[in-house]
Amino acid sequence: MPIKTQKIIGQVVFVMLAFYLDGLMKWSFLNNMNKSSFTIVPQLMLMALVLLTMRIDNRRTILIYGIVFGLIYDSYYFGIIGLYTILLPLILVGVDHYKFLFIKNTVGYELSIYFLALTAMQSGIYLLERLFRLTTSNFGDFITYVLGPTLLWNVVVFFILYVPLANLSDWLVKYRRESK
């Protein structure tokens, strides 16, 4: 099996593992925290996809990842195909479009990209749910009780997991050694 195929399989396994850890965190650890009016949505899969998008140069691959993993996320959590299937590819293509503005990826830069992607994802989900009448909460409640706690939780998790996830995504995207 060629090394490129192995790396692509590794990328898919990496994102699926992040998806699994999303669910594990949501249902075991955060289940006790979401008893009050606050709702925290872990987004490790989005974090893994943003880190891979920052390193992959092929927009077609990014778009395929966004559609496939959006379908998987929708079918598992929502049962309504469309929310993540539409938003995830759009956000990943947006990240891919703007990643060339900076020369070197740093922690602060990748955190800001992830923060913006997470904000766009959660806001887009809220707007689509309002459009399809799946929620009745107003925008102020959404910001206070969903978006704020979600951003805070995911930024803390980003700082904790950045080094291992960034190194793993670097390794999964590079196909050969660079010359010194």
Protein backbone atom coordinates (compact mmCIF):
# COMPACT_ATOMS: atom_id res chain seq x y z
CA MET A 1 0.00 0.00 0.00
CA PRO A 2 1.47 3.40 -0.96
CA ILE A 3 2.41 5.80 1.80
CA LYS A 4 -0.10 8.40 0.54
CA THR A 5 -2.97 5.93 0.96
CA GLN A 6 -1.75 5.02 4.44
CA LYS A 7 -1.65 8.70 5.41
CA ILE A 8 -5.19 9.28 4.11
CA ILE A 9 -6.43 6.27 6.10
CA GLY A 10 -4.59 7.68 9.12
CA GLN A 11 -6.31 11.05 8.65
CA VAL A 12 -9.73 9.40 8.52
CA VAL A 13 -8.96 7.33 11.63
CA PHE A 14 -7.69 10.50 13.37
CA VAL A 15 -10.96 12.35 12.70
CA MET A 16 -13.08 9.32 13.62
CA LEU A 17 -11.18 9.00 16.90
CA ALA A 18 -11.85 12.69 17.60
CA PHE A 19 -15.53 12.07 16.77
CA TYR A 20 -15.59 9.15 19.20
CA LEU A 21 -13.94 11.24 21.92
CA ASP A 22 -16.54 13.97 21.27
CA GLY A 23 -19.30 11.55 22.08
CA LEU A 24 -17.42 10.05 25.00
CA MET A 25 -16.85 13.48 26.53
CA LYS A 26 -20.40 14.59 25.86
CA TRP A 27 -22.18 11.61 27.34
CA SER A 28 -19.89 10.65 30.21
CA PHE A 29 -18.17 13.78 31.49
CA LEU A 30 -20.30 16.70 30.32
CA ASN A 31 -23.60 14.94 30.98
CA ASN A 32 -23.28 15.97 34.63
CA MET A 33 -22.33 19.55 33.72
CA ASN A 34 -25.28 20.09 31.35
CA LYS A 35 -27.93 19.57 34.06
CA SER A 36 -28.37 23.32 34.52
CA SER A 37 -29.47 25.78 31.85
CA PHE A 38 -25.96 25.91 30.33
CA THR A 39 -25.17 23.61 27.42
CA ILE A 40 -21.59 22.74 26.47
CA VAL A 41 -21.01 21.15 23.06
CA PRO A 42 -17.57 19.52 22.73
CA GLN A 43 -16.12 19.88 19.23
CA LEU A 44 -13.00 17.72 19.06
CA MET A 45 -13.92 16.55 15.56
CA LEU A 46 -14.05 20.15 14.36
CA MET A 47 -10.71 20.78 16.07
CA ALA A 48 -9.14 17.79 14.29
CA LEU A 49 -10.60 18.85 10.95
CA VAL A 50 -9.41 22.45 11.35
CA LEU A 51 -5.90 21.26 12.24
CA LEU A 52 -5.87 18.96 9.19
CA THR A 53 -7.27 21.70 6.96
CA MET A 54 -4.45 24.00 8.03
CA ARG A 55 -1.98 21.43 6.71
CA ILE A 56 -3.70 19.86 3.67
CA ASP A 57 -3.19 21.68 0.36
CA ASN A 58 -5.87 19.87 -1.65
CA ARG A 59 -9.23 21.65 -1.40
CA ARG A 60 -11.04 18.68 -2.92
CA THR A 61 -9.88 16.44 -0.07
CA ILE A 62 -10.99 19.05 2.46
CA LEU A 63 -14.41 19.29 0.84
CA ILE A 64 -14.81 15.49 0.82
CA TYR A 65 -13.82 15.32 4.50
CA GLY A 66 -16.33 18.06 5.32
CA ILE A 67 -19.22 16.37 3.53
CA VAL A 68 -18.49 12.84 4.77
CA PHE A 69 -17.89 13.77 8.40
CA GLY A 70 -20.80 16.23 8.33
CA LEU A 71 -23.08 13.39 7.21
CA ILE A 72 -21.71 11.11 9.92
CA TYR A 73 -22.16 13.79 12.60
CA ASP A 74 -25.69 14.61 11.45
CA SER A 75 -26.79 11.01 11.26
CA TYR A 76 -25.40 10.17 14.69
CA TYR A 77 -26.39 13.22 16.75
CA PHE A 78 -29.25 14.98 14.98
CA GLY A 79 -31.02 12.47 12.79
CA ILE A 80 -31.65 15.40 10.46
CA ILE A 81 -29.29 15.32 7.51
CA GLY A 82 -28.23 18.81 6.60
CA LEU A 83 -27.07 20.90 9.53
CA TYR A 84 -23.45 19.74 9.75
CA THR A 85 -23.49 18.41 6.19
CA ILE A 86 -23.95 21.94 4.90
CA LEU A 87 -21.98 23.95 7.46
CA LEU A 88 -18.89 21.76 7.96
CA PRO A 89 -17.70 21.84 4.31
CA LEU A 90 -18.38 25.58 4.09
CA ILE A 91 -16.37 26.29 7.23
CA LEU A 92 -13.49 24.04 6.17
CA VAL A 93 -13.30 25.65 2.72
CA GLY A 94 -13.34 29.05 4.44
CA VAL A 95 -10.46 27.98 6.67
CA ASP A 96 -8.60 26.68 3.61
CA HIS A 97 -9.20 29.95 1.78
CA TYR A 98 -7.76 32.13 4.54
CA LYS A 99 -4.92 29.91 5.78
CA PHE A 100 -2.56 31.33 3.16
CA LEU A 101 -2.65 34.80 4.71
CA PHE A 102 -0.05 33.79 7.27
CA ILE A 103 3.31 32.20 6.59
CA LYS A 104 3.76 29.99 9.65
CA ASN A 105 1.16 28.26 11.76
CA THR A 106 1.43 29.21 15.43
CA VAL A 107 -0.66 28.30 18.45
CA GLY A 108 -2.32 31.71 18.55
CA TYR A 109 -3.12 31.71 14.86
CA GLU A 110 -4.57 28.19 14.91
CA LEU A 111 -6.53 29.00 18.08
CA SER A 112 -8.06 32.06 16.43
CA ILE A 113 -8.97 30.05 13.32
CA TYR A 114 -10.52 27.31 15.48
CA PHE A 115 -12.35 29.92 17.58
CA LEU A 116 -13.83 31.53 14.46
CA ALA A 117 -14.73 28.15 12.95
CA LEU A 118 -16.40 27.05 16.19
CA THR A 119 -18.31 30.32 16.46
CA ALA A 120 -19.45 30.06 12.84
CA MET A 121 -20.47 26.42 13.31
CA GLN A 122 -22.50 26.96 16.48
CA SER A 123 -24.09 30.17 15.15
CA GLY A 124 -24.94 28.48 11.85
CA ILE A 125 -26.49 25.54 13.67
CA TYR A 126 -28.56 27.95 15.76
CA LEU A 127 -29.71 29.87 12.68
CA LEU A 128 -30.63 26.69 10.81
CA GLU A 129 -32.49 25.38 13.84
CA ARG A 130 -34.40 28.67 14.04
CA LEU A 131 -35.14 28.49 10.32
CA PHE A 132 -36.48 24.93 10.60
CA ARG A 133 -38.24 25.77 13.90
CA LEU A 134 -36.27 23.21 15.90
CA THR A 135 -35.58 25.69 18.70
CA THR A 136 -37.54 28.48 20.32
CA SER A 137 -34.74 30.20 22.27
CA ASN A 138 -33.83 33.75 21.41
CA PHE A 139 -30.38 34.91 20.27
CA GLY A 140 -29.41 36.35 23.66
CA ASP A 141 -30.12 33.05 25.39
CA PHE A 142 -28.16 31.22 22.72
CA ILE A 143 -25.09 33.40 23.27
CA THR A 144 -25.34 33.21 27.05
CA TYR A 145 -26.26 29.58 27.61
CA VAL A 146 -24.80 27.74 24.59
CA LEU A 147 -22.19 29.71 22.64
CA GLY A 148 -20.28 31.18 25.59
CA PRO A 149 -19.84 27.95 27.58
CA THR A 150 -19.09 25.99 24.40
CA LEU A 151 -16.37 28.43 23.34
CA LEU A 152 -14.84 28.48 26.81
CA TRP A 153 -14.78 24.68 27.13
CA ASN A 154 -13.36 24.11 23.65
CA VAL A 155 -10.65 26.76 24.00
CA VAL A 156 -9.47 25.13 27.23
CA VAL A 157 -9.50 21.70 25.55
CA PHE A 158 -7.64 23.21 22.58
CA PHE A 159 -4.82 24.42 24.83
CA ILE A 160 -4.60 21.05 26.56
CA LEU A 161 -4.60 18.96 23.37
CA TYR A 162 -2.88 21.32 20.92
CA VAL A 163 0.65 19.90 20.97
CA PRO A 164 -0.24 16.21 20.48
CA LEU A 165 -2.97 16.91 17.91
CA ALA A 166 -0.85 19.39 15.95
CA ASN A 167 2.11 17.01 15.86
CA LEU A 168 -0.11 14.11 14.81
CA SER A 169 -1.81 16.13 12.07
CA ASP A 170 1.61 17.34 10.83
CA TRP A 171 2.80 13.75 10.63
CA LEU A 172 -0.40 12.57 8.91
CA VAL A 173 -0.15 15.16 6.14
CA LYS A 174 3.57 15.01 5.28
CA TYR A 175 4.36 12.24 2.81
CA ARG A 176 8.14 12.36 2.72
CA ARG A 177 11.03 13.87 4.57
CA GLU A 178 11.88 17.41 3.74
CA SER A 179 15.45 18.09 2.69
CA LYS A 180 17.58 20.06 5.13
